[in-house]
Amino acid sequence: MTVIIDNASVHKAKATKPMMDLLKKQGVTLYFLPPYSPELNRIEKLWHLMKYTWMSVKSRDSKTLEADVGDILDNFGSKYKFGF
């Protein structure tokens, strides 16, 4: 099994090193993306689509933002579609 990981600081933190080592010992291959590679990270493409296509540009308070993102996540695959 191969797990592709971005370079978020939590993935490189000392606290996660023991778990990463354990995964390697169990035969899991950890593949880190290059330092800045949003074009290779599917979640970056999804967030871009959410922010610039599915959500209209408007002023939002945190409650409205949470509701708008919740609507997208609740309807992902039916109302909101994304192809990899």
PDB file of N, CA and C in Angstrom:
ATOM      1  N   MET A   1       0.836  -1.156   0.000  1.00  0.00           N
ATOM      2  CA  MET A   1       0.000   0.000   0.000  1.00  0.00           C
ATOM      3  C   MET A   1       0.895   1.237   0.000  1.00  0.00           C
ATOM      4  N   THR A   2       0.514   2.208  -0.785  1.00  0.00           N
ATOM      5  CA  THR A   2       1.229   3.475  -0.835  1.00  0.00           C
ATOM      6  C   THR A   2       0.287   4.582  -0.390  1.00  0.00           C
ATOM      7  N   VAL A   3       0.761   5.428   0.498  1.00  0.00           N
ATOM      8  CA  VAL A   3      -0.009   6.577   0.954  1.00  0.00           C
ATOM      9  C   VAL A   3       0.712   7.824   0.462  1.00  0.00           C
ATOM     10  N   ILE A   4      -0.028   8.670  -0.258  1.00  0.00           N
ATOM     11  CA  ILE A   4       0.533   9.911  -0.773  1.00  0.00           C
ATOM     12  C   ILE A   4       0.185  11.017   0.215  1.00  0.00           C
ATOM     13  N   ILE A   5       1.219  11.724   0.664  1.00  0.00           N
ATOM     14  CA  ILE A   5       1.055  12.714   1.719  1.00  0.00           C
ATOM     15  C   ILE A   5       1.575  14.059   1.233  1.00  0.00           C
ATOM     16  N   ASP A   6       0.815  15.111   1.563  1.00  0.00           N
ATOM     17  CA  ASP A   6       1.340  16.433   1.235  1.00  0.00           C
ATOM     18  C   ASP A   6       2.326  16.834   2.329  1.00  0.00           C
ATOM     19  N   ASN A   7       2.878  17.997   2.208  1.00  0.00           N
ATOM     20  CA  ASN A   7       3.920  18.422   3.138  1.00  0.00           C
ATOM     21  C   ASN A   7       3.401  19.314   4.256  1.00  0.00           C
ATOM     22  N   ALA A   8       2.186  19.066   4.704  1.00  0.00           N
ATOM     23  CA  ALA A   8       1.661  19.814   5.840  1.00  0.00           C
ATOM     24  C   ALA A   8       2.589  19.582   7.031  1.00  0.00           C
ATOM     25  N   SER A   9       2.745  20.600   7.836  1.00  0.00           N
ATOM     26  CA  SER A   9       3.696  20.503   8.953  1.00  0.00           C
ATOM     27  C   SER A   9       3.375  19.348   9.888  1.00  0.00           C
ATOM     28  N   VAL A  10       2.109  19.024  10.056  1.00  0.00           N
ATOM     29  CA  VAL A  10       1.748  17.910  10.943  1.00  0.00           C
ATOM     30  C   VAL A  10       2.298  16.578  10.424  1.00  0.00           C
ATOM     31  N   HIS A  11       2.434  16.433   9.124  1.00  0.00           N
ATOM     32  CA  HIS A  11       2.949  15.190   8.561  1.00  0.00           C
ATOM     33  C   HIS A  11       4.451  15.029   8.783  1.00  0.00           C
ATOM     34  N   LYS A  12       5.127  16.124   9.047  1.00  0.00           N
ATOM     35  CA  LYS A  12       6.576  16.094   9.260  1.00  0.00           C
ATOM     36  C   LYS A  12       6.950  16.316  10.730  1.00  0.00           C
ATOM     37  N   ALA A  13       5.952  16.461  11.596  1.00  0.00           N
ATOM     38  CA  ALA A  13       6.198  16.780  13.000  1.00  0.00           C
ATOM     39  C   ALA A  13       6.852  15.615  13.737  1.00  0.00           C
ATOM     40  N   LYS A  14       7.648  15.943  14.743  1.00  0.00           N
ATOM     41  CA  LYS A  14       8.305  14.915  15.553  1.00  0.00           C
ATOM     42  C   LYS A  14       7.291  13.988  16.203  1.00  0.00           C
ATOM     43  N   ALA A  15       6.138  14.525  16.592  1.00  0.00           N
ATOM     44  CA  ALA A  15       5.113  13.727  17.268  1.00  0.00           C
ATOM     45  C   ALA A  15       4.551  12.618  16.375  1.00  0.00           C
ATOM     46  N   THR A  16       4.571  12.813  15.050  1.00  0.00           N
ATOM     47  CA  THR A  16       4.028  11.801  14.144  1.00  0.00           C
ATOM     48  C   THR A  16       5.076  10.803  13.659  1.00  0.00           C
ATOM     49  N   LYS A  17       6.341  11.085  13.915  1.00  0.00           N
ATOM     50  CA  LYS A  17       7.418  10.216  13.432  1.00  0.00           C
ATOM     51  C   LYS A  17       7.271   8.761  13.889  1.00  0.00           C
ATOM     52  N   PRO A  18       6.957   8.492  15.167  1.00  0.00           N
ATOM     53  CA  PRO A  18       6.798   7.086  15.570  1.00  0.00           C
ATOM     54  C   PRO A  18       5.711   6.359  14.771  1.00  0.00           C
ATOM     55  N   MET A  19       4.616   7.044  14.466  1.00  0.00           N
ATOM     56  CA  MET A  19       3.550   6.409  13.693  1.00  0.00           C
ATOM     57  C   MET A  19       3.986   6.186  12.245  1.00  0.00           C
ATOM     58  N   MET A  20       4.703   7.148  11.689  1.00  0.00           N
ATOM     59  CA  MET A  20       5.209   6.987  10.320  1.00  0.00           C
ATOM     60  C   MET A  20       6.171   5.805  10.247  1.00  0.00           C
ATOM     61  N   ASP A  21       7.032   5.674  11.269  1.00  0.00           N
ATOM     62  CA  ASP A  21       7.977   4.550  11.317  1.00  0.00           C
ATOM     63  C   ASP A  21       7.231   3.226  11.428  1.00  0.00           C
ATOM     64  N   LEU A  22       6.177   3.198  12.231  1.00  0.00           N
ATOM     65  CA  LEU A  22       5.384   1.981  12.388  1.00  0.00           C
ATOM     66  C   LEU A  22       4.726   1.592  11.066  1.00  0.00           C
ATOM     67  N   LEU A  23       4.192   2.562  10.357  1.00  0.00           N
ATOM     68  CA  LEU A  23       3.568   2.282   9.064  1.00  0.00           C
ATOM     69  C   LEU A  23       4.583   1.699   8.084  1.00  0.00           C
ATOM     70  N   LYS A  24       5.789   2.267   8.072  1.00  0.00           N
ATOM     71  CA  LYS A  24       6.843   1.747   7.187  1.00  0.00           C
ATOM     72  C   LYS A  24       7.186   0.304   7.530  1.00  0.00           C
ATOM     73  N   LYS A  25       7.284  -0.001   8.830  1.00  0.00           N
ATOM     74  CA  LYS A  25       7.595  -1.371   9.261  1.00  0.00           C
ATOM     75  C   LYS A  25       6.500  -2.344   8.853  1.00  0.00           C
ATOM     76  N   GLN A  26       5.275  -1.845   8.740  1.00  0.00           N
ATOM     77  CA  GLN A  26       4.157  -2.699   8.348  1.00  0.00           C
ATOM     78  C   GLN A  26       3.998  -2.795   6.832  1.00  0.00           C
ATOM     79  N   GLY A  27       4.945  -2.215   6.101  1.00  0.00           N
ATOM     80  CA  GLY A  27       4.937  -2.351   4.650  1.00  0.00           C
ATOM     81  C   GLY A  27       4.241  -1.228   3.902  1.00  0.00           C
ATOM     82  N   VAL A  28       3.856  -0.172   4.596  1.00  0.00           N
ATOM     83  CA  VAL A  28       3.208   0.959   3.939  1.00  0.00           C
ATOM     84  C   VAL A  28       4.299   1.879   3.382  1.00  0.00           C
ATOM     85  N   THR A  29       4.178   2.204   2.109  1.00  0.00           N
ATOM     86  CA  THR A  29       5.107   3.138   1.486  1.00  0.00           C
ATOM     87  C   THR A  29       4.529   4.537   1.613  1.00  0.00           C
ATOM     88  N   LEU A  30       5.313   5.432   2.189  1.00  0.00           N
ATOM     89  CA  LEU A  30       4.884   6.818   2.337  1.00  0.00           C
ATOM     90  C   LEU A  30       5.558   7.640   1.254  1.00  0.00           C
ATOM     91  N   TYR A  31       4.752   8.299   0.428  1.00  0.00           N
ATOM     92  CA  TYR A  31       5.278   9.113  -0.660  1.00  0.00           C
ATOM     93  C   TYR A  31       4.883  10.558  -0.392  1.00  0.00           C
ATOM     94  N   PHE A  32       5.865  11.406  -0.163  1.00  0.00           N
ATOM     95  CA  PHE A  32       5.603  12.816   0.078  1.00  0.00           C
ATOM     96  C   PHE A  32       5.630  13.576  -1.244  1.00  0.00           C
ATOM     97  N   LEU A  33       4.619  14.396  -1.456  1.00  0.00           N
ATOM     98  CA  LEU A  33       4.583  15.246  -2.643  1.00  0.00           C
ATOM     99  C   LEU A  33       5.722  16.255  -2.581  1.00  0.00           C
ATOM    100  N   PRO A  34       6.109  16.811  -3.713  1.00  0.00           N
ATOM    101  CA  PRO A  34       7.105  17.881  -3.681  1.00  0.00           C
ATOM    102  C   PRO A  34       6.601  19.031  -2.799  1.00  0.00           C
ATOM    103  N   PRO A  35       7.504  19.860  -2.269  1.00  0.00           N
ATOM    104  CA  PRO A  35       7.120  20.898  -1.308  1.00  0.00           C
ATOM    105  C   PRO A  35       5.924  21.756  -1.709  1.00  0.00           C
ATOM    106  N   TYR A  36       5.869  22.258  -2.910  1.00  0.00           N
ATOM    107  CA  TYR A  36       4.704  23.019  -3.341  1.00  0.00           C
ATOM    108  C   TYR A  36       4.227  22.431  -4.649  1.00  0.00           C
ATOM    109  N   SER A  37       3.146  21.673  -4.579  1.00  0.00           N
ATOM    110  CA  SER A  37       2.648  21.019  -5.785  1.00  0.00           C
ATOM    111  C   SER A  37       1.125  20.911  -5.744  1.00  0.00           C
ATOM    112  N   PRO A  38       0.404  22.026  -5.713  1.00  0.00           N
ATOM    113  CA  PRO A  38      -1.056  21.944  -5.642  1.00  0.00           C
ATOM    114  C   PRO A  38      -1.668  21.208  -6.825  1.00  0.00           C
ATOM    115  N   GLU A  39      -0.977  21.217  -7.965  1.00  0.00           N
ATOM    116  CA  GLU A  39      -1.516  20.513  -9.132  1.00  0.00           C
ATOM    117  C   GLU A  39      -1.514  18.998  -8.954  1.00  0.00           C
ATOM    118  N   LEU A  40      -0.731  18.485  -8.007  1.00  0.00           N
ATOM    119  CA  LEU A  40      -0.684  17.048  -7.742  1.00  0.00           C
ATOM    120  C   LEU A  40      -1.568  16.636  -6.566  1.00  0.00           C
ATOM    121  N   ASN A  41      -2.106  17.607  -5.859  1.00  0.00           N
ATOM    122  CA  ASN A  41      -2.879  17.334  -4.658  1.00  0.00           C
ATOM    123  C   ASN A  41      -4.358  17.541  -4.968  1.00  0.00           C
ATOM    124  N   ARG A  42      -5.115  16.462  -5.000  1.00  0.00           N
ATOM    125  CA  ARG A  42      -6.514  16.539  -5.403  1.00  0.00           C
ATOM    126  C   ARG A  42      -7.341  17.436  -4.493  1.00  0.00           C
ATOM    127  N   ILE A  43      -7.036  17.443  -3.211  1.00  0.00           N
ATOM    128  CA  ILE A  43      -7.821  18.279  -2.309  1.00  0.00           C
ATOM    129  C   ILE A  43      -7.632  19.753  -2.647  1.00  0.00           C
ATOM    130  N   GLU A  44      -6.446  20.137  -3.111  1.00  0.00           N
ATOM    131  CA  GLU A  44      -6.223  21.533  -3.503  1.00  0.00           C
ATOM    132  C   GLU A  44      -7.112  21.903  -4.692  1.00  0.00           C
ATOM    133  N   LYS A  45      -7.237  20.983  -5.642  1.00  0.00           N
ATOM    134  CA  LYS A  45      -8.109  21.238  -6.792  1.00  0.00           C
ATOM    135  C   LYS A  45      -9.561  21.329  -6.354  1.00  0.00           C
ATOM    136  N   LEU A  46      -9.958  20.471  -5.413  1.00  0.00           N
ATOM    137  CA  LEU A  46     -11.334  20.502  -4.913  1.00  0.00           C
ATOM    138  C   LEU A  46     -11.608  21.806  -4.177  1.00  0.00           C
ATOM    139  N   TRP A  47     -10.701  22.233  -3.289  1.00  0.00           N
ATOM    140  CA  TRP A  47     -10.899  23.490  -2.563  1.00  0.00           C
ATOM    141  C   TRP A  47     -10.982  24.664  -3.536  1.00  0.00           C
ATOM    142  N   HIS A  48     -10.144  24.650  -4.575  1.00  0.00           N
ATOM    143  CA  HIS A  48     -10.180  25.721  -5.567  1.00  0.00           C
ATOM    144  C   HIS A  48     -11.548  25.774  -6.242  1.00  0.00           C
ATOM    145  N   LEU A  49     -12.062  24.620  -6.641  1.00  0.00           N
ATOM    146  CA  LEU A  49     -13.368  24.552  -7.287  1.00  0.00           C
ATOM    147  C   LEU A  49     -14.456  25.044  -6.331  1.00  0.00           C
ATOM    148  N   MET A  50     -14.382  24.630  -5.076  1.00  0.00           N
ATOM    149  CA  MET A  50     -15.375  25.064  -4.086  1.00  0.00           C
ATOM    150  C   MET A  50     -15.355  26.585  -3.927  1.00  0.00           C
ATOM    151  N   LYS A  51     -14.144  27.133  -3.752  1.00  0.00           N
ATOM    152  CA  LYS A  51     -14.014  28.558  -3.457  1.00  0.00           C
ATOM    153  C   LYS A  51     -14.351  29.457  -4.639  1.00  0.00           C
ATOM    154  N   TYR A  52     -13.983  29.045  -5.845  1.00  0.00           N
ATOM    155  CA  TYR A  52     -14.089  29.955  -6.976  1.00  0.00           C
ATOM    156  C   TYR A  52     -15.196  29.618  -7.967  1.00  0.00           C
ATOM    157  N   THR A  53     -15.812  28.453  -7.837  1.00  0.00           N
ATOM    158  CA  THR A  53     -16.874  28.086  -8.767  1.00  0.00           C
ATOM    159  C   THR A  53     -18.197  27.847  -8.048  1.00  0.00           C
ATOM    160  N   TRP A  54     -18.181  26.990  -7.033  1.00  0.00           N
ATOM    161  CA  TRP A  54     -19.429  26.618  -6.379  1.00  0.00           C
ATOM    162  C   TRP A  54     -19.927  27.643  -5.366  1.00  0.00           C
ATOM    163  N   MET A  55     -19.039  28.417  -4.792  1.00  0.00           N
ATOM    164  CA  MET A  55     -19.440  29.428  -3.815  1.00  0.00           C
ATOM    165  C   MET A  55     -19.328  30.806  -4.461  1.00  0.00           C
ATOM    166  N   SER A  56     -20.418  31.528  -4.460  1.00  0.00           N
ATOM    167  CA  SER A  56     -20.363  32.867  -5.037  1.00  0.00           C
ATOM    168  C   SER A  56     -19.499  33.769  -4.165  1.00  0.00           C
ATOM    169  N   VAL A  57     -18.945  34.768  -4.779  1.00  0.00           N
ATOM    170  CA  VAL A  57     -18.113  35.713  -4.046  1.00  0.00           C
ATOM    171  C   VAL A  57     -19.046  36.631  -3.255  1.00  0.00           C
ATOM    172  N   LYS A  58     -18.953  36.564  -1.943  1.00  0.00           N
ATOM    173  CA  LYS A  58     -19.766  37.427  -1.095  1.00  0.00           C
ATOM    174  C   LYS A  58     -19.145  37.471   0.297  1.00  0.00           C
ATOM    175  N   SER A  59     -19.574  38.447   1.043  1.00  0.00           N
ATOM    176  CA  SER A  59     -19.106  38.561   2.425  1.00  0.00           C
ATOM    177  C   SER A  59     -19.848  37.537   3.272  1.00  0.00           C
ATOM    178  N   ARG A  60     -19.119  36.782   4.083  1.00  0.00           N
ATOM    179  CA  ARG A  60     -19.731  35.753   4.917  1.00  0.00           C
ATOM    180  C   ARG A  60     -19.230  35.877   6.348  1.00  0.00           C
ATOM    181  N   ASP A  61     -20.118  35.645   7.302  1.00  0.00           N
ATOM    182  CA  ASP A  61     -19.648  35.458   8.670  1.00  0.00           C
ATOM    183  C   ASP A  61     -19.343  33.976   8.822  1.00  0.00           C
ATOM    184  N   SER A  62     -18.775  33.581   9.934  1.00  0.00           N
ATOM    185  CA  SER A  62     -18.347  32.184  10.086  1.00  0.00           C
ATOM    186  C   SER A  62     -19.519  31.212  10.011  1.00  0.00           C
ATOM    187  N   LYS A  63     -20.687  31.596  10.508  1.00  0.00           N
ATOM    188  CA  LYS A  63     -21.859  30.714  10.468  1.00  0.00           C
ATOM    189  C   LYS A  63     -22.321  30.479   9.030  1.00  0.00           C
ATOM    190  N   THR A  64     -22.341  31.538   8.225  1.00  0.00           N
ATOM    191  CA  THR A  64     -22.746  31.415   6.828  1.00  0.00           C
ATOM    192  C   THR A  64     -21.726  30.601   6.034  1.00  0.00           C
ATOM    193  N   LEU A  65     -20.442  30.842   6.278  1.00  0.00           N
ATOM    194  CA  LEU A  65     -19.396  30.079   5.600  1.00  0.00           C
ATOM    195  C   LEU A  65     -19.526  28.591   5.924  1.00  0.00           C
ATOM    196  N   GLU A  66     -19.723  28.288   7.196  1.00  0.00           N
ATOM    197  CA  GLU A  66     -19.884  26.884   7.607  1.00  0.00           C
ATOM    198  C   GLU A  66     -21.099  26.259   6.930  1.00  0.00           C
ATOM    199  N   ALA A  67     -22.195  26.990   6.830  1.00  0.00           N
ATOM    200  CA  ALA A  67     -23.400  26.468   6.173  1.00  0.00           C
ATOM    201  C   ALA A  67     -23.158  26.240   4.687  1.00  0.00           C
ATOM    202  N   ASP A  68     -22.486  27.189   4.030  1.00  0.00           N
ATOM    203  CA  ASP A  68     -22.210  27.046   2.591  1.00  0.00           C
ATOM    204  C   ASP A  68     -21.298  25.852   2.306  1.00  0.00           C
ATOM    205  N   VAL A  69     -20.240  25.702   3.086  1.00  0.00           N
ATOM    206  CA  VAL A  69     -19.339  24.558   2.911  1.00  0.00           C
ATOM    207  C   VAL A  69     -20.081  23.265   3.242  1.00  0.00           C
ATOM    208  N   GLY A  70     -20.896  23.286   4.296  1.00  0.00           N
ATOM    209  CA  GLY A  70     -21.694  22.104   4.660  1.00  0.00           C
ATOM    210  C   GLY A  70     -22.615  21.670   3.537  1.00  0.00           C
ATOM    211  N   ASP A  71     -23.239  22.634   2.868  1.00  0.00           N
ATOM    212  CA  ASP A  71     -24.112  22.310   1.741  1.00  0.00           C
ATOM    213  C   ASP A  71     -23.334  21.613   0.630  1.00  0.00           C
ATOM    214  N   ILE A  72     -22.157  22.122   0.337  1.00  0.00           N
ATOM    215  CA  ILE A  72     -21.335  21.503  -0.710  1.00  0.00           C
ATOM    216  C   ILE A  72     -20.949  20.083  -0.312  1.00  0.00           C
ATOM    217  N   LEU A  73     -20.483  19.910   0.915  1.00  0.00           N
ATOM    218  CA  LEU A  73     -20.059  18.574   1.349  1.00  0.00           C
ATOM    219  C   LEU A  73     -21.237  17.609   1.429  1.00  0.00           C
ATOM    220  N   ASP A  74     -22.395  18.086   1.870  1.00  0.00           N
ATOM    221  CA  ASP A  74     -23.590  17.226   1.950  1.00  0.00           C
ATOM    222  C   ASP A  74     -24.092  16.806   0.578  1.00  0.00           C
ATOM    223  N   ASN A  75     -23.871  17.642  -0.426  1.00  0.00           N
ATOM    224  CA  ASN A  75     -24.391  17.365  -1.767  1.00  0.00           C
ATOM    225  C   ASN A  75     -23.303  17.010  -2.771  1.00  0.00           C
ATOM    226  N   PHE A  76     -22.122  16.718  -2.254  1.00  0.00           N
ATOM    227  CA  PHE A  76     -21.015  16.334  -3.131  1.00  0.00           C
ATOM    228  C   PHE A  76     -21.336  15.003  -3.794  1.00  0.00           C
ATOM    229  N   GLY A  77     -21.185  14.951  -5.096  1.00  0.00           N
ATOM    230  CA  GLY A  77     -21.476  13.729  -5.851  1.00  0.00           C
ATOM    231  C   GLY A  77     -22.830  13.776  -6.537  1.00  0.00           C
ATOM    232  N   SER A  78     -23.725  14.632  -6.039  1.00  0.00           N
ATOM    233  CA  SER A  78     -25.037  14.773  -6.703  1.00  0.00           C
ATOM    234  C   SER A  78     -25.145  16.174  -7.302  1.00  0.00           C
ATOM    235  N   LYS A  79     -25.304  17.174  -6.460  1.00  0.00           N
ATOM    236  CA  LYS A  79     -25.392  18.559  -6.925  1.00  0.00           C
ATOM    237  C   LYS A  79     -24.027  19.103  -7.342  1.00  0.00           C
ATOM    238  N   TYR A  80     -22.992  18.718  -6.604  1.00  0.00           N
ATOM    239  CA  TYR A  80     -21.615  19.177  -6.869  1.00  0.00           C
ATOM    240  C   TYR A  80     -20.788  17.978  -7.299  1.00  0.00           C
ATOM    241  N   LYS A  81     -20.240  18.046  -8.501  1.00  0.00           N
ATOM    242  CA  LYS A  81     -19.467  16.922  -9.032  1.00  0.00           C
ATOM    243  C   LYS A  81     -18.038  17.366  -9.346  1.00  0.00           C
ATOM    244  N   PHE A  82     -17.113  16.444  -9.142  1.00  0.00           N
ATOM    245  CA  PHE A  82     -15.702  16.732  -9.369  1.00  0.00           C
ATOM    246  C   PHE A  82     -15.039  15.500  -9.932  1.00  0.00           C
ATOM    247  N   GLY A  83     -14.397  15.633 -11.062  1.00  0.00           N
ATOM    248  CA  GLY A  83     -13.707  14.512 -11.679  1.00  0.00           C
ATOM    249  C   GLY A  83     -12.207  14.612 -11.446  1.00  0.00           C
ATOM    250  N   PHE A  84     -11.597  13.499 -11.104  1.00  0.00           N
ATOM    251  CA  PHE A  84     -10.153  13.494 -10.863  1.00  0.00           C
ATOM    252  C   PHE A  84      -9.491  13.188 -12.154  1.00  0.00           C
TER     253      PHE A  84
END
